[in-house]
Amino acid sequence: MLDKSLAFLKLLRELEKVERTIFRPNDKRENDVEHSYQVAMMSWFLSDKFGLNLSSDKLLKYALVHDLIEAYSGDTCVYVKNPAIATNPIETKEEREAEAFSKVKKEFGDFRELIEIIEAYEAKKDEESIFVYEVDKILPPLNAYLDNGYGWNKLGLTLEEVKNEKRKKITHTKQLIALLEEALSRFEKEESKLFVN
């Protein structure tokens, strides 16, 4: 059991090394463990605040595993225009992630619930998985806003690019759509401060 425990811990430590293309002030990049924790806590918080009848157990499990395969595939940012920043091009995302999931299944296939949760999340099988997916998509602009647009400006983004991308991804949960629109409205009012390129 020790060797199996060490192997799983090693996987989690690899996830800590995955830097997302989300820049914070002083060019610190968010890692996948920090991000997964935020997704878990915000999913739980928002589900409660919206009064949704969602399983917190499922929300937390989906959030914790939603990017786990990136320990092997790396992160992919949809916005990156600069190849020096984009370590993993969007064009190879599907192939890299399929390979990574195969590796996780090979190494931890006996952790059946883990594999089932990853598969259910990827398939957006239920309301909880869809909710976590959409929370995952709303957090980057909320974080960028808290950082006064630093990450957007580092990537050379416009408000229109942010609006278009987020409106494509957050389409199912009416409460999250409303939250997104409220955020976008605020971004518009503060556009000259937030988007300075």
Protein backbone atom coordinates (compact mmCIF):
# COMPACT_ATOMS: atom_id res chain seq x y z
CA MET A 1 0.00 0.00 0.00
CA LEU A 2 2.91 2.38 0.65
CA ASP A 3 4.13 2.24 -2.94
CA LYS A 4 0.61 2.87 -4.29
CA SER A 5 0.15 5.78 -1.87
CA LEU A 6 3.48 7.27 -2.89
CA ALA A 7 2.60 6.90 -6.58
CA PHE A 8 -0.70 8.75 -6.10
CA LEU A 9 1.00 11.46 -4.05
CA LYS A 10 3.54 11.82 -6.85
CA LEU A 11 0.69 12.39 -9.31
CA LEU A 12 -0.70 15.14 -7.05
CA ARG A 13 2.73 16.73 -6.80
CA GLU A 14 2.98 16.72 -10.59
CA LEU A 15 -0.31 18.64 -10.67
CA GLU A 16 1.29 21.30 -8.44
CA LYS A 17 3.90 21.85 -11.16
CA VAL A 18 1.35 22.62 -13.88
CA GLU A 19 1.33 26.37 -14.32
CA ARG A 20 -1.79 27.77 -15.92
CA THR A 21 -1.70 30.66 -18.35
CA ILE A 22 -3.38 32.79 -15.73
CA PHE A 23 -1.10 35.60 -14.66
CA ARG A 24 -1.33 37.30 -11.32
CA PRO A 25 0.52 40.49 -10.39
CA ASN A 26 4.32 40.07 -10.32
CA ASP A 27 3.92 37.47 -13.10
CA LYS A 28 3.09 34.69 -10.65
CA ARG A 29 1.17 32.00 -12.50
CA GLU A 30 -1.63 30.07 -10.87
CA ASN A 31 -0.99 26.31 -10.67
CA ASP A 32 -3.54 23.54 -11.18
CA VAL A 33 -3.78 22.67 -7.48
CA GLU A 34 -4.59 26.27 -6.53
CA HIS A 35 -7.10 26.42 -9.36
CA SER A 36 -8.77 23.11 -8.46
CA TYR A 37 -9.16 24.25 -4.87
CA GLN A 38 -10.78 27.49 -6.03
CA VAL A 39 -13.14 25.58 -8.34
CA ALA A 40 -14.12 23.24 -5.50
CA MET A 41 -14.77 25.99 -2.97
CA MET A 42 -16.55 28.30 -5.42
CA SER A 43 -18.73 25.47 -6.74
CA TRP A 44 -19.79 24.60 -3.22
CA PHE A 45 -20.30 28.28 -2.30
CA LEU A 46 -22.26 29.22 -5.43
CA SER A 47 -24.44 26.13 -5.33
CA ASP A 48 -25.37 27.01 -1.76
CA LYS A 49 -25.91 30.73 -2.46
CA PHE A 50 -28.05 29.98 -5.52
CA GLY A 51 -30.08 27.46 -3.50
CA LEU A 52 -29.46 24.72 -6.05
CA ASN A 53 -30.34 21.14 -5.27
CA LEU A 54 -26.90 19.80 -6.19
CA SER A 55 -24.84 17.18 -4.38
CA SER A 56 -21.93 18.91 -2.64
CA ASP A 57 -20.14 15.55 -2.57
CA LYS A 58 -20.28 15.33 -6.38
CA LEU A 59 -19.40 19.01 -6.81
CA LEU A 60 -16.27 18.66 -4.70
CA LYS A 61 -15.16 15.43 -6.38
CA TYR A 62 -15.70 16.82 -9.89
CA ALA A 63 -13.85 20.00 -8.99
CA LEU A 64 -10.91 18.13 -7.48
CA VAL A 65 -10.44 15.93 -10.56
CA HIS A 66 -11.55 18.28 -13.33
CA ASP A 67 -7.93 19.06 -14.33
CA LEU A 68 -6.17 16.03 -12.81
CA ILE A 69 -5.07 14.64 -16.18
CA GLU A 70 -3.20 17.90 -16.77
CA ALA A 71 -0.55 16.46 -14.45
CA TYR A 72 0.48 14.59 -17.61
CA SER A 73 -0.92 16.74 -20.43
CA GLY A 74 -0.24 20.26 -19.16
CA ASP A 75 -2.59 23.23 -19.28
CA THR A 76 -3.99 24.75 -22.46
CA CYS A 77 -5.10 28.37 -22.68
CA VAL A 78 -7.66 29.29 -25.33
CA TYR A 79 -6.54 32.93 -25.51
CA VAL A 80 -2.83 32.72 -26.06
CA LYS A 81 -1.58 34.48 -29.16
CA ASN A 82 2.07 34.48 -28.14
CA PRO A 83 3.86 31.10 -28.62
CA ALA A 84 6.42 32.09 -25.97
CA ILE A 85 3.61 32.03 -23.39
CA ALA A 86 1.62 29.09 -24.80
CA THR A 87 3.45 25.94 -23.82
CA ASN A 88 0.65 23.71 -25.10
CA PRO A 89 -1.16 24.68 -28.30
CA ILE A 90 -4.95 24.32 -28.41
CA GLU A 91 -4.61 22.19 -31.55
CA THR A 92 -3.05 19.31 -29.59
CA LYS A 93 -5.26 19.54 -26.48
CA GLU A 94 -7.58 16.63 -27.29
CA GLU A 95 -4.77 14.25 -28.19
CA ARG A 96 -2.60 15.20 -25.19
CA GLU A 97 -5.50 14.84 -22.77
CA ALA A 98 -6.57 11.46 -24.20
CA GLU A 99 -3.02 10.17 -23.75
CA ALA A 100 -2.87 11.59 -20.23
CA PHE A 101 -6.16 9.98 -19.24
CA SER A 102 -4.95 6.63 -20.58
CA LYS A 103 -1.88 6.98 -18.39
CA VAL A 104 -3.98 7.80 -15.30
CA LYS A 105 -6.23 4.79 -16.01
CA LYS A 106 -3.21 2.53 -16.42
CA GLU A 107 -1.59 3.70 -13.19
CA PHE A 108 -4.72 4.12 -11.04
CA GLY A 109 -7.40 2.03 -12.72
CA ASP A 110 -7.97 0.20 -9.46
CA PHE A 111 -9.14 3.53 -7.96
CA ARG A 112 -12.38 2.95 -9.82
CA GLU A 113 -14.32 5.89 -8.40
CA LEU A 114 -11.61 8.30 -9.51
CA ILE A 115 -11.82 7.03 -13.09
CA GLU A 116 -15.64 7.14 -13.04
CA ILE A 117 -15.66 10.71 -11.72
CA ILE A 118 -13.21 11.87 -14.40
CA GLU A 119 -15.27 10.16 -17.12
CA ALA A 120 -18.54 11.61 -15.83
CA TYR A 121 -17.01 15.10 -15.65
CA GLU A 122 -15.61 14.90 -19.17
CA ALA A 123 -19.00 13.70 -20.48
CA LYS A 124 -20.84 16.43 -18.54
CA LYS A 125 -23.04 13.58 -17.37
CA ASP A 126 -25.15 15.40 -14.79
CA GLU A 127 -26.06 18.82 -13.42
CA GLU A 128 -23.15 18.78 -10.98
CA SER A 129 -20.53 18.14 -13.67
CA ILE A 130 -21.99 20.88 -15.89
CA PHE A 131 -22.07 23.29 -12.95
CA VAL A 132 -18.42 22.62 -12.08
CA TYR A 133 -17.46 23.01 -15.77
CA GLU A 134 -19.14 26.42 -15.88
CA VAL A 135 -17.66 27.54 -12.55
CA ASP A 136 -14.25 26.56 -13.97
CA LYS A 137 -14.89 28.91 -16.89
CA ILE A 138 -16.12 31.88 -14.85
CA LEU A 139 -13.25 31.95 -12.35
CA PRO A 140 -10.47 33.24 -14.66
CA PRO A 141 -12.27 36.52 -15.49
CA LEU A 142 -13.27 36.99 -11.86
CA ASN A 143 -9.65 36.49 -10.80
CA ALA A 144 -8.45 38.86 -13.54
CA TYR A 145 -10.92 41.46 -12.30
CA LEU A 146 -9.64 41.14 -8.72
CA ASP A 147 -6.15 41.72 -10.15
CA ASN A 148 -7.31 44.93 -11.93
CA GLY A 149 -6.99 43.32 -15.37
CA TYR A 150 -3.33 42.37 -14.97
CA GLY A 151 -3.74 38.90 -16.53
CA TRP A 152 -5.82 40.19 -19.44
CA ASN A 153 -3.24 42.85 -20.23
CA LYS A 154 -0.36 40.40 -19.92
CA LEU A 155 -2.06 38.26 -22.60
CA GLY A 156 -3.09 41.27 -24.71
CA LEU A 157 -6.81 40.52 -24.45
CA THR A 158 -9.72 42.78 -25.22
CA LEU A 159 -13.03 42.85 -23.42
CA GLU A 160 -14.73 41.56 -26.57
CA GLU A 161 -12.49 38.47 -26.62
CA VAL A 162 -13.29 37.75 -22.98
CA LYS A 163 -17.03 38.23 -23.56
CA ASN A 164 -17.10 36.01 -26.66
CA GLU A 165 -15.14 33.17 -25.07
CA LYS A 166 -17.07 33.12 -21.79
CA ARG A 167 -20.50 33.40 -23.42
CA LYS A 168 -19.66 30.34 -25.54
CA LYS A 169 -18.80 28.26 -22.45
CA ILE A 170 -21.32 29.35 -19.81
CA THR A 171 -24.65 28.45 -21.41
CA HIS A 172 -26.52 26.01 -19.18
CA THR A 173 -26.91 27.17 -15.59
CA LYS A 174 -29.13 30.26 -15.57
CA GLN A 175 -27.68 31.51 -12.28
CA LEU A 176 -24.12 31.32 -13.64
CA ILE A 177 -25.20 32.99 -16.89
CA ALA A 178 -26.67 35.82 -14.81
CA LEU A 179 -23.48 36.03 -12.72
CA LEU A 180 -21.38 36.17 -15.90
CA GLU A 181 -23.54 38.93 -17.37
CA GLU A 182 -23.34 40.92 -14.14
CA ALA A 183 -19.54 40.58 -14.22
CA LEU A 184 -19.31 41.53 -17.91
CA SER A 185 -21.45 44.59 -17.27
CA ARG A 186 -19.06 45.68 -14.53
CA PHE A 187 -16.07 45.00 -16.79
CA GLU A 188 -17.64 47.23 -19.46
CA LYS A 189 -18.08 50.08 -16.96
CA GLU A 190 -14.42 49.76 -15.93
CA GLU A 191 -13.02 48.82 -19.34
CA SER A 192 -10.55 51.72 -19.58
CA LYS A 193 -9.02 50.68 -16.24
CA LEU A 194 -9.08 46.90 -16.84
CA PHE A 195 -8.02 46.69 -20.49
CA VAL A 196 -5.16 49.10 -21.06
CA ASN A 197 -3.52 47.68 -24.22
